[in-house]
Amino acid sequence: METPMFAPYRSLATSYRNLDLETSVQDASPHKLVALLYDGAIGAILRARAAMQSGDVAGKGKAISHAIRIVDEGLKASLDSRAGEIATNLRDLYDYMGRRLLWANLHDDDEVLQEVAMLLGQLRTGWSGIAPEGRSAPNRAVTA
């Protein structure tokens, strides 16, 4: 059997995308990191919806689990309790999203996936609207 000289296209594309993401994360301000978390969660939900529509149960579960981890271990964990009521409200909203994503996974509920993606999209839009202009934010806890 002949060993191929080059990696398959898919592997190269995946490697490039992973390198691009790693570079983005390393160079990102705390504000940009939160935006990347929103984008990642929305992307995971889109993958879950596609997997659900194609009947890929394992792919759906993996994508929804990824979205839940981003919301819980990324967005919720980045909250600074010193931000007061807004942090509390966001924490409650992130908890709600996690529960809804679990429900969607258990019940193959595409409408719930759409709901959570819409909520994340609205938060992402609002977050973009408060981006610091041309200044780098100090390295400290982020109040997403």
Protein backbone atom coordinates (compact mmCIF):
# COMPACT_ATOMS: atom_id res chain seq x y z
CA MET A 1 0.00 0.00 0.00
CA GLU A 2 1.35 3.39 -0.98
CA THR A 3 1.67 6.13 1.64
CA PRO A 4 0.18 9.41 0.41
CA MET A 5 2.61 12.29 0.05
CA PHE A 6 0.17 14.90 1.34
CA ALA A 7 -2.43 14.88 4.08
CA PRO A 8 -6.02 14.76 2.87
CA TYR A 9 -7.59 18.15 2.12
CA ARG A 10 -9.93 17.86 5.09
CA SER A 11 -7.01 17.38 7.48
CA LEU A 12 -5.18 20.38 6.08
CA ALA A 13 -8.29 22.56 6.30
CA THR A 14 -8.93 21.43 9.86
CA SER A 15 -5.32 22.07 10.86
CA TYR A 16 -5.41 25.53 9.32
CA ARG A 17 -8.69 26.36 11.07
CA ASN A 18 -7.32 25.14 14.41
CA LEU A 19 -4.13 27.16 13.96
CA ASP A 20 -6.16 30.24 13.04
CA LEU A 21 -8.31 29.80 16.15
CA GLU A 22 -5.28 29.31 18.40
CA THR A 23 -3.68 32.46 16.99
CA SER A 24 -6.94 34.40 17.45
CA VAL A 25 -7.22 33.30 21.07
CA GLN A 26 -3.57 34.07 21.89
CA ASP A 27 -3.81 37.58 20.43
CA ALA A 28 -7.30 38.39 21.71
CA SER A 29 -8.27 40.92 24.34
CA PRO A 30 -10.61 39.71 27.10
CA HIS A 31 -13.45 41.38 25.19
CA LYS A 32 -12.58 39.49 22.00
CA LEU A 33 -12.31 36.21 23.92
CA VAL A 34 -15.93 36.54 25.04
CA ALA A 35 -16.97 37.26 21.44
CA LEU A 36 -15.13 34.09 20.38
CA LEU A 37 -17.03 32.13 23.03
CA TYR A 38 -20.36 33.42 21.69
CA ASP A 39 -19.29 32.51 18.16
CA GLY A 40 -18.18 29.05 19.27
CA ALA A 41 -21.43 28.30 21.09
CA ILE A 42 -23.53 29.46 18.15
CA GLY A 43 -21.38 27.39 15.77
CA ALA A 44 -21.79 24.30 17.96
CA ILE A 45 -25.56 24.76 17.94
CA LEU A 46 -25.55 25.07 14.14
CA ARG A 47 -23.57 21.81 13.94
CA ALA A 48 -26.05 20.17 16.33
CA ARG A 49 -28.99 21.28 14.18
CA ALA A 50 -27.34 19.91 11.05
CA ALA A 51 -26.55 16.61 12.79
CA MET A 52 -30.11 16.38 14.08
CA GLN A 53 -31.54 16.95 10.60
CA SER A 54 -29.29 14.27 9.12
CA GLY A 55 -30.04 11.76 11.88
CA ASP A 56 -26.49 11.81 13.29
CA VAL A 57 -27.32 11.20 16.95
CA ALA A 58 -23.68 11.04 18.07
CA GLY A 59 -22.78 14.22 16.19
CA LYS A 60 -25.79 16.02 17.66
CA GLY A 61 -24.86 14.98 21.19
CA LYS A 62 -21.23 15.98 20.73
CA ALA A 63 -22.14 19.40 19.32
CA ILE A 64 -24.72 20.13 22.02
CA SER A 65 -22.27 19.04 24.72
CA HIS A 66 -19.71 21.41 23.21
CA ALA A 67 -22.23 24.28 23.27
CA ILE A 68 -23.12 23.53 26.90
CA ARG A 69 -19.45 23.51 27.90
CA ILE A 70 -18.83 26.84 26.18
CA VAL A 71 -21.82 28.42 27.91
CA ASP A 72 -21.04 26.92 31.31
CA GLU A 73 -17.25 26.75 31.45
CA GLY A 74 -16.58 29.73 29.22
CA LEU A 75 -19.27 32.38 29.31
CA LYS A 76 -20.64 31.72 32.78
CA ALA A 77 -17.19 31.16 34.27
CA SER A 78 -15.97 34.49 32.84
CA LEU A 79 -18.56 36.49 34.77
CA ASP A 80 -17.25 38.82 37.43
CA SER A 81 -19.61 38.80 40.42
CA ARG A 82 -18.48 42.36 41.23
CA ALA A 83 -20.48 43.47 38.18
CA GLY A 84 -23.61 43.12 40.31
CA GLU A 85 -27.07 42.63 38.89
CA ILE A 86 -25.99 42.28 35.27
CA ALA A 87 -23.64 39.40 36.15
CA THR A 88 -26.40 37.74 38.19
CA ASN A 89 -28.88 38.08 35.33
CA LEU A 90 -26.41 36.73 32.80
CA ARG A 91 -25.57 33.79 35.08
CA ASP A 92 -29.28 32.98 35.30
CA LEU A 93 -29.65 33.28 31.52
CA TYR A 94 -26.64 31.01 30.94
CA ASP A 95 -28.12 28.45 33.36
CA TYR A 96 -31.40 28.62 31.43
CA MET A 97 -29.57 28.09 28.14
CA GLY A 98 -27.77 25.05 29.54
CA ARG A 99 -31.06 23.50 30.65
CA ARG A 100 -32.66 24.24 27.28
CA LEU A 101 -29.73 22.69 25.42
CA LEU A 102 -30.04 19.53 27.54
CA TRP A 103 -33.77 19.43 26.77
CA ALA A 104 -33.10 19.86 23.04
CA ASN A 105 -30.62 16.99 23.12
CA LEU A 106 -32.96 14.64 24.96
CA HIS A 107 -36.04 15.50 22.89
CA ASP A 108 -34.55 16.29 19.45
CA ASP A 109 -36.08 19.74 19.72
CA ASP A 110 -34.81 21.94 16.91
CA GLU A 111 -36.97 24.88 18.03
CA VAL A 112 -35.15 24.97 21.36
CA LEU A 113 -31.79 24.92 19.59
CA GLN A 114 -32.99 27.87 17.50
CA GLU A 115 -34.13 29.67 20.66
CA VAL A 116 -30.77 29.32 22.38
CA ALA A 117 -28.87 30.29 19.21
CA MET A 118 -31.07 33.41 18.94
CA LEU A 119 -30.40 34.35 22.59
CA LEU A 120 -26.67 33.89 22.10
CA GLY A 121 -26.83 35.90 18.89
CA GLN A 122 -28.57 38.77 20.68
CA LEU A 123 -25.98 38.72 23.45
CA ARG A 124 -23.19 38.58 20.85
CA THR A 125 -24.63 41.62 19.07
CA GLY A 126 -24.91 43.55 22.34
CA TRP A 127 -21.40 42.52 23.33
CA SER A 128 -20.06 43.76 19.98
CA GLY A 129 -21.79 47.07 20.61
CA ILE A 130 -19.76 47.71 23.74
CA ALA A 131 -16.38 46.79 22.26
CA PRO A 132 -13.56 48.99 23.47
CA GLU A 133 -12.46 51.19 20.60
CA GLY A 134 -8.78 50.96 19.78
CA ARG A 135 -7.65 50.32 23.32
CA SER A 136 -6.61 47.06 24.86
CA ALA A 137 -8.50 46.03 27.93
CA PRO A 138 -6.47 45.13 31.03
CA ASN A 139 -5.94 41.44 31.69
CA ARG A 140 -8.56 40.74 34.33
CA ALA A 141 -11.82 38.87 34.83
CA VAL A 142 -14.29 39.56 32.09
CA THR A 143 -17.86 40.59 32.83
CA ALA A 144 -19.66 38.89 29.97
